[in-house]
Every structure is written in structure tokens, then in C-alpha cells.
Amino acid sequence: MQLYVCPRSELAQHQIIETAFGVLRIHLGDFIPKGYSYLFEDSGGEQRGFAWVSVPKTANITENQRGQKYA
């Protein structure tokens, strides 16, 4: 599982983060604005997981899209 963050983020200084659920690898996304981050899981098959971790309240995302599940 990888956590994608802005290169200017405080988390960008780390390569991994240990959590209660396991280790997250930190990847820098050149096109991710500061304040945004997301998780990406690539299990190696056709199934992939995606979830927003942080999105600023000022983001131009409709309520409809905020609760959207990606798979």
C-alpha cells in the first residue's frame, strides 16, 4: 500500500510510515497539490484500491463525489 503526497508536504520527508495496520510507503506525486493525499493499493491483479486521505475543505469537489468509492 502506498500513500501519495505533495512533494512539499511534511510527510514527503519520510520514506515509510509505520501504522497499526502495517507499513505505508510514501510516494511523491508531482501533480498532487499541497493538502491532498491518497492511498493506492495495487495487489498485482485486476483489483486496485484507491481512497482519498485528505482533501482540503476548499476543494472544488461536489458532495456527490466526496463519498464516491473507487475500485
PDB file of N, CA and C in Angstrom:
ATOM      1  N   MET A   1       0.856  -1.164   0.000  1.00  0.00           N
ATOM      2  CA  MET A   1       0.000   0.000   0.000  1.00  0.00           C
ATOM      3  C   MET A   1       0.902   1.227   0.000  1.00  0.00           C
ATOM      4  N   GLN A   2       0.526   2.210  -0.803  1.00  0.00           N
ATOM      5  CA  GLN A   2       1.320   3.424  -0.908  1.00  0.00           C
ATOM      6  C   GLN A   2       0.467   4.645  -0.589  1.00  0.00           C
ATOM      7  N   LEU A   3       1.104   5.625   0.017  1.00  0.00           N
ATOM      8  CA  LEU A   3       0.472   6.906   0.297  1.00  0.00           C
ATOM      9  C   LEU A   3       1.132   7.937  -0.611  1.00  0.00           C
ATOM     10  N   TYR A   4       0.340   8.589  -1.447  1.00  0.00           N
ATOM     11  CA  TYR A   4       0.852   9.604  -2.361  1.00  0.00           C
ATOM     12  C   TYR A   4       0.594  10.978  -1.771  1.00  0.00           C
ATOM     13  N   VAL A   5       1.644  11.801  -1.717  1.00  0.00           N
ATOM     14  CA  VAL A   5       1.565  13.128  -1.110  1.00  0.00           C
ATOM     15  C   VAL A   5       2.259  14.155  -2.003  1.00  0.00           C
ATOM     16  N   CYS A   6       2.008  15.411  -1.709  1.00  0.00           N
ATOM     17  CA  CYS A   6       2.675  16.527  -2.377  1.00  0.00           C
ATOM     18  C   CYS A   6       4.152  16.536  -1.994  1.00  0.00           C
ATOM     19  N   PRO A   7       5.059  16.821  -2.925  1.00  0.00           N
ATOM     20  CA  PRO A   7       6.489  16.872  -2.588  1.00  0.00           C
ATOM     21  C   PRO A   7       6.830  17.902  -1.512  1.00  0.00           C
ATOM     22  N   ARG A   8       5.972  18.923  -1.306  1.00  0.00           N
ATOM     23  CA  ARG A   8       6.223  19.947  -0.285  1.00  0.00           C
ATOM     24  C   ARG A   8       5.575  19.607   1.046  1.00  0.00           C
ATOM     25  N   SER A   9       4.933  18.452   1.129  1.00  0.00           N
ATOM     26  CA  SER A   9       4.268  18.016   2.351  1.00  0.00           C
ATOM     27  C   SER A   9       5.284  17.621   3.418  1.00  0.00           C
ATOM     28  N   GLU A  10       4.884  17.726   4.679  1.00  0.00           N
ATOM     29  CA  GLU A  10       5.757  17.274   5.772  1.00  0.00           C
ATOM     30  C   GLU A  10       6.013  15.772   5.673  1.00  0.00           C
ATOM     31  N   LEU A  11       5.031  15.024   5.209  1.00  0.00           N
ATOM     32  CA  LEU A  11       5.192  13.579   5.059  1.00  0.00           C
ATOM     33  C   LEU A  11       6.200  13.209   3.974  1.00  0.00           C
ATOM     34  N   ALA A  12       6.468  14.140   3.062  1.00  0.00           N
ATOM     35  CA  ALA A  12       7.403  13.871   1.968  1.00  0.00           C
ATOM     36  C   ALA A  12       8.825  13.639   2.475  1.00  0.00           C
ATOM     37  N   GLN A  13       9.100  14.007   3.710  1.00  0.00           N
ATOM     38  CA  GLN A  13      10.431  13.814   4.281  1.00  0.00           C
ATOM     39  C   GLN A  13      10.674  12.371   4.694  1.00  0.00           C
ATOM     40  N   HIS A  14       9.623  11.555   4.696  1.00  0.00           N
ATOM     41  CA  HIS A  14       9.729  10.163   5.129  1.00  0.00           C
ATOM     42  C   HIS A  14       9.620   9.220   3.938  1.00  0.00           C
ATOM     43  N   GLN A  15      10.222   8.052   4.057  1.00  0.00           N
ATOM     44  CA  GLN A  15      10.089   7.041   3.014  1.00  0.00           C
ATOM     45  C   GLN A  15       8.998   6.038   3.363  1.00  0.00           C
ATOM     46  N   ILE A  16       8.842   5.779   4.650  1.00  0.00           N
ATOM     47  CA  ILE A  16       7.795   4.873   5.115  1.00  0.00           C
ATOM     48  C   ILE A  16       7.186   5.423   6.399  1.00  0.00           C
ATOM     49  N   ILE A  17       5.966   4.996   6.672  1.00  0.00           N
ATOM     50  CA  ILE A  17       5.291   5.321   7.927  1.00  0.00           C
ATOM     51  C   ILE A  17       4.751   4.014   8.471  1.00  0.00           C
ATOM     52  N   GLU A  18       5.071   3.731   9.716  1.00  0.00           N
ATOM     53  CA  GLU A  18       4.536   2.532  10.345  1.00  0.00           C
ATOM     54  C   GLU A  18       3.208   2.888  11.008  1.00  0.00           C
ATOM     55  N   THR A  19       2.169   2.108  10.696  1.00  0.00           N
ATOM     56  CA  THR A  19       0.851   2.319  11.279  1.00  0.00           C
ATOM     57  C   THR A  19       0.433   1.063  12.034  1.00  0.00           C
ATOM     58  N   ALA A  20      -0.687   1.142  12.704  1.00  0.00           N
ATOM     59  CA  ALA A  20      -1.214  -0.022  13.422  1.00  0.00           C
ATOM     60  C   ALA A  20      -1.615  -1.131  12.448  1.00  0.00           C
ATOM     61  N   PHE A  21      -1.809  -0.780  11.173  1.00  0.00           N
ATOM     62  CA  PHE A  21      -2.249  -1.751  10.169  1.00  0.00           C
ATOM     63  C   PHE A  21      -1.114  -2.243   9.283  1.00  0.00           C
ATOM     64  N   GLY A  22       0.070  -1.705   9.474  1.00  0.00           N
ATOM     65  CA  GLY A  22       1.217  -2.108   8.656  1.00  0.00           C
ATOM     66  C   GLY A  22       2.001  -0.903   8.192  1.00  0.00           C
ATOM     67  N   VAL A  23       2.877  -1.136   7.258  1.00  0.00           N
ATOM     68  CA  VAL A  23       3.780  -0.100   6.756  1.00  0.00           C
ATOM     69  C   VAL A  23       3.190   0.541   5.501  1.00  0.00           C
ATOM     70  N   LEU A  24       3.228   1.875   5.453  1.00  0.00           N
ATOM     71  CA  LEU A  24       2.839   2.625   4.268  1.00  0.00           C
ATOM     72  C   LEU A  24       4.087   3.186   3.618  1.00  0.00           C
ATOM     73  N   ARG A  25       4.247   2.957   2.343  1.00  0.00           N
ATOM     74  CA  ARG A  25       5.347   3.567   1.599  1.00  0.00           C
ATOM     75  C   ARG A  25       4.887   4.929   1.090  1.00  0.00           C
ATOM     76  N   ILE A  26       5.724   5.921   1.250  1.00  0.00           N
ATOM     77  CA  ILE A  26       5.403   7.289   0.834  1.00  0.00           C
ATOM     78  C   ILE A  26       5.947   7.527  -0.574  1.00  0.00           C
ATOM     79  N   HIS A  27       5.071   8.002  -1.440  1.00  0.00           N
ATOM     80  CA  HIS A  27       5.466   8.359  -2.798  1.00  0.00           C
ATOM     81  C   HIS A  27       5.128   9.822  -3.025  1.00  0.00           C
ATOM     82  N   LEU A  28       5.995  10.514  -3.718  1.00  0.00           N
ATOM     83  CA  LEU A  28       5.769  11.927  -4.015  1.00  0.00           C
ATOM     84  C   LEU A  28       5.077  12.040  -5.359  1.00  0.00           C
ATOM     85  N   GLY A  29       3.987  12.770  -5.381  1.00  0.00           N
ATOM     86  CA  GLY A  29       3.247  12.981  -6.624  1.00  0.00           C
ATOM     87  C   GLY A  29       3.478  14.386  -7.129  1.00  0.00           C
ATOM     88  N   ASP A  30       4.150  14.510  -8.254  1.00  0.00           N
ATOM     89  CA  ASP A  30       4.475  15.832  -8.795  1.00  0.00           C
ATOM     90  C   ASP A  30       3.233  16.667  -9.104  1.00  0.00           C
ATOM     91  N   PHE A  31       2.104  16.010  -9.327  1.00  0.00           N
ATOM     92  CA  PHE A  31       0.897  16.736  -9.700  1.00  0.00           C
ATOM     93  C   PHE A  31      -0.127  16.782  -8.566  1.00  0.00           C
ATOM     94  N   ILE A  32       0.298  16.452  -7.355  1.00  0.00           N
ATOM     95  CA  ILE A  32      -0.598  16.492  -6.200  1.00  0.00           C
ATOM     96  C   ILE A  32      -0.373  17.819  -5.469  1.00  0.00           C
ATOM     97  N   PRO A  33      -1.417  18.663  -5.393  1.00  0.00           N
ATOM     98  CA  PRO A  33      -1.270  19.927  -4.669  1.00  0.00           C
ATOM     99  C   PRO A  33      -1.129  19.691  -3.171  1.00  0.00           C
ATOM    100  N   LYS A  34      -0.488  20.632  -2.497  1.00  0.00           N
ATOM    101  CA  LYS A  34      -0.351  20.528  -1.044  1.00  0.00           C
ATOM    102  C   LYS A  34      -1.734  20.510  -0.408  1.00  0.00           C
ATOM    103  N   GLY A  35      -1.897  19.629   0.565  1.00  0.00           N
ATOM    104  CA  GLY A  35      -3.180  19.481   1.237  1.00  0.00           C
ATOM    105  C   GLY A  35      -3.957  18.255   0.785  1.00  0.00           C
ATOM    106  N   TYR A  36      -3.519  17.655  -0.307  1.00  0.00           N
ATOM    107  CA  TYR A  36      -4.167  16.457  -0.824  1.00  0.00           C
ATOM    108  C   TYR A  36      -3.260  15.250  -0.594  1.00  0.00           C
ATOM    109  N   SER A  37      -3.849  14.108  -0.358  1.00  0.00           N
ATOM    110  CA  SER A  37      -3.100  12.850  -0.317  1.00  0.00           C
ATOM    111  C   SER A  37      -4.081  11.710  -0.529  1.00  0.00           C
ATOM    112  N   TYR A  38      -3.564  10.615  -1.053  1.00  0.00           N
ATOM    113  CA  TYR A  38      -4.432   9.462  -1.273  1.00  0.00           C
ATOM    114  C   TYR A  38      -3.662   8.162  -1.116  1.00  0.00           C
ATOM    115  N   LEU A  39      -4.410   7.111  -0.828  1.00  0.00           N
ATOM    116  CA  LEU A  39      -3.853   5.763  -0.719  1.00  0.00           C
ATOM    117  C   LEU A  39      -4.109   5.030  -2.019  1.00  0.00           C
ATOM    118  N   PHE A  40      -3.134   4.231  -2.422  1.00  0.00           N
ATOM    119  CA  PHE A  40      -3.287   3.405  -3.615  1.00  0.00           C
ATOM    120  C   PHE A  40      -2.784   2.017  -3.293  1.00  0.00           C
ATOM    121  N   GLU A  41      -3.592   1.030  -3.591  1.00  0.00           N
ATOM    122  CA  GLU A  41      -3.219  -0.357  -3.362  1.00  0.00           C
ATOM    123  C   GLU A  41      -3.230  -1.073  -4.700  1.00  0.00           C
ATOM    124  N   ASP A  42      -2.122  -1.687  -5.035  1.00  0.00           N
ATOM    125  CA  ASP A  42      -2.021  -2.468  -6.259  1.00  0.00           C
ATOM    126  C   ASP A  42      -1.680  -3.890  -5.854  1.00  0.00           C
ATOM    127  N   SER A  43      -2.681  -4.739  -5.879  1.00  0.00           N
ATOM    128  CA  SER A  43      -2.476  -6.117  -5.423  1.00  0.00           C
ATOM    129  C   SER A  43      -1.838  -6.995  -6.487  1.00  0.00           C
ATOM    130  N   GLY A  44      -1.572  -6.436  -7.651  1.00  0.00           N
ATOM    131  CA  GLY A  44      -0.919  -7.189  -8.702  1.00  0.00           C
ATOM    132  C   GLY A  44      -1.879  -7.817  -9.688  1.00  0.00           C
ATOM    133  N   GLY A  45      -3.144  -7.816  -9.391  1.00  0.00           N
ATOM    134  CA  GLY A  45      -4.154  -8.354 -10.297  1.00  0.00           C
ATOM    135  C   GLY A  45      -4.978  -7.242 -10.901  1.00  0.00           C
ATOM    136  N   GLU A  46      -6.208  -7.564 -11.226  1.00  0.00           N
ATOM    137  CA  GLU A  46      -7.100  -6.562 -11.793  1.00  0.00           C
ATOM    138  C   GLU A  46      -7.684  -5.648 -10.725  1.00  0.00           C
ATOM    139  N   GLN A  47      -7.671  -6.084  -9.480  1.00  0.00           N
ATOM    140  CA  GLN A  47      -8.247  -5.305  -8.385  1.00  0.00           C
ATOM    141  C   GLN A  47      -7.237  -4.291  -7.857  1.00  0.00           C
ATOM    142  N   ARG A  48      -7.677  -3.039  -7.771  1.00  0.00           N
ATOM    143  CA  ARG A  48      -6.850  -1.973  -7.198  1.00  0.00           C
ATOM    144  C   ARG A  48      -7.722  -1.173  -6.254  1.00  0.00           C
ATOM    145  N   GLY A  49      -7.098  -0.633  -5.217  1.00  0.00           N
ATOM    146  CA  GLY A  49      -7.842   0.180  -4.274  1.00  0.00           C
ATOM    147  C   GLY A  49      -7.372   1.621  -4.309  1.00  0.00           C
ATOM    148  N   PHE A  50      -8.300   2.554  -4.120  1.00  0.00           N
ATOM    149  CA  PHE A  50      -7.989   3.977  -4.098  1.00  0.00           C
ATOM    150  C   PHE A  50      -8.858   4.636  -3.048  1.00  0.00           C
ATOM    151  N   ALA A  51      -8.279   5.517  -2.258  1.00  0.00           N
ATOM    152  CA  ALA A  51      -9.057   6.270  -1.280  1.00  0.00           C
ATOM    153  C   ALA A  51      -8.360   7.593  -0.987  1.00  0.00           C
ATOM    154  N   TRP A  52      -9.143   8.670  -0.988  1.00  0.00           N
ATOM    155  CA  TRP A  52      -8.604   9.962  -0.568  1.00  0.00           C
ATOM    156  C   TRP A  52      -8.322   9.903   0.921  1.00  0.00           C
ATOM    157  N   VAL A  53      -7.187  10.439   1.336  1.00  0.00           N
ATOM    158  CA  VAL A  53      -6.858  10.539   2.750  1.00  0.00           C
ATOM    159  C   VAL A  53      -7.167  11.948   3.223  1.00  0.00           C
ATOM    160  N   SER A  54      -6.748  12.927   2.448  1.00  0.00           N
ATOM    161  CA  SER A  54      -7.047  14.313   2.804  1.00  0.00           C
ATOM    162  C   SER A  54      -7.350  15.122   1.555  1.00  0.00           C
ATOM    163  N   VAL A  55      -8.405  15.908   1.660  1.00  0.00           N
ATOM    164  CA  VAL A  55      -8.813  16.827   0.608  1.00  0.00           C
ATOM    165  C   VAL A  55      -9.211  18.114   1.323  1.00  0.00           C
ATOM    166  N   PRO A  56      -8.616  19.246   0.967  1.00  0.00           N
ATOM    167  CA  PRO A  56      -8.972  20.493   1.647  1.00  0.00           C
ATOM    168  C   PRO A  56     -10.466  20.799   1.527  1.00  0.00           C
ATOM    169  N   LYS A  57     -11.012  21.413   2.558  1.00  0.00           N
ATOM    170  CA  LYS A  57     -12.433  21.763   2.547  1.00  0.00           C
ATOM    171  C   LYS A  57     -12.763  22.731   1.437  1.00  0.00           C
ATOM    172  N   THR A  58     -11.772  23.484   0.978  1.00  0.00           N
ATOM    173  CA  THR A  58     -11.997  24.462  -0.079  1.00  0.00           C
ATOM    174  C   THR A  58     -11.910  23.830  -1.466  1.00  0.00           C
ATOM    175  N   ALA A  59     -11.678  22.529  -1.559  1.00  0.00           N
ATOM    176  CA  ALA A  59     -11.556  21.859  -2.850  1.00  0.00           C
ATOM    177  C   ALA A  59     -12.877  21.925  -3.602  1.00  0.00           C
ATOM    178  N   ASN A  60     -12.793  22.033  -4.894  1.00  0.00           N
ATOM    179  CA  ASN A  60     -13.976  22.119  -5.733  1.00  0.00           C
ATOM    180  C   ASN A  60     -14.458  20.713  -6.094  1.00  0.00           C
ATOM    181  N   ILE A  61     -14.950  19.995  -5.074  1.00  0.00           N
ATOM    182  CA  ILE A  61     -15.487  18.649  -5.268  1.00  0.00           C
ATOM    183  C   ILE A  61     -16.914  18.672  -4.749  1.00  0.00           C
ATOM    184  N   THR A  62     -17.834  18.200  -5.554  1.00  0.00           N
ATOM    185  CA  THR A  62     -19.221  18.207  -5.123  1.00  0.00           C
ATOM    186  C   THR A  62     -19.431  17.161  -4.046  1.00  0.00           C
ATOM    187  N   GLU A  63     -20.460  17.344  -3.241  1.00  0.00           N
ATOM    188  CA  GLU A  63     -20.783  16.386  -2.182  1.00  0.00           C
ATOM    189  C   GLU A  63     -20.962  15.002  -2.764  1.00  0.00           C
ATOM    190  N   ASN A  64     -21.481  14.943  -3.950  1.00  0.00           N
ATOM    191  CA  ASN A  64     -21.699  13.693  -4.643  1.00  0.00           C
ATOM    192  C   ASN A  64     -20.391  12.925  -4.827  1.00  0.00           C
ATOM    193  N   GLN A  65     -19.323  13.612  -5.167  1.00  0.00           N
ATOM    194  CA  GLN A  65     -18.038  12.978  -5.423  1.00  0.00           C
ATOM    195  C   GLN A  65     -17.268  12.674  -4.152  1.00  0.00           C
ATOM    196  N   ARG A  66     -17.512  13.406  -3.065  1.00  0.00           N
ATOM    197  CA  ARG A  66     -16.786  13.188  -1.821  1.00  0.00           C
ATOM    198  C   ARG A  66     -16.981  11.784  -1.266  1.00  0.00           C
ATOM    199  N   GLY A  67     -18.177  11.248  -1.387  1.00  0.00           N
ATOM    200  CA  GLY A  67     -18.458   9.927  -0.842  1.00  0.00           C
ATOM    201  C   GLY A  67     -18.265   8.811  -1.845  1.00  0.00           C
ATOM    202  N   GLN A  68     -17.774   9.141  -3.026  1.00  0.00           N
ATOM    203  CA  GLN A  68     -17.631   8.157  -4.078  1.00  0.00           C
ATOM    204  C   GLN A  68     -16.559   7.128  -3.755  1.00  0.00           C
ATOM    205  N   LYS A  69     -16.851   5.865  -4.004  1.00  0.00           N
ATOM    206  CA  LYS A  69     -15.897   4.773  -3.798  1.00  0.00           C
ATOM    207  C   LYS A  69     -15.206   4.465  -5.107  1.00  0.00           C
ATOM    208  N   TYR A  70     -13.924   4.289  -5.051  1.00  0.00           N
ATOM    209  CA  TYR A  70     -13.146   3.954  -6.241  1.00  0.00           C
ATOM    210  C   TYR A  70     -12.596   2.552  -6.072  1.00  0.00           C
ATOM    211  N   ALA A  71     -12.672   1.769  -7.104  1.00  0.00           N
ATOM    212  CA  ALA A  71     -12.099   0.417  -7.060  1.00  0.00           C
ATOM    213  C   ALA A  71     -11.696  -0.021  -8.432  1.00  0.00           C
TER     214      ALA A  71
END
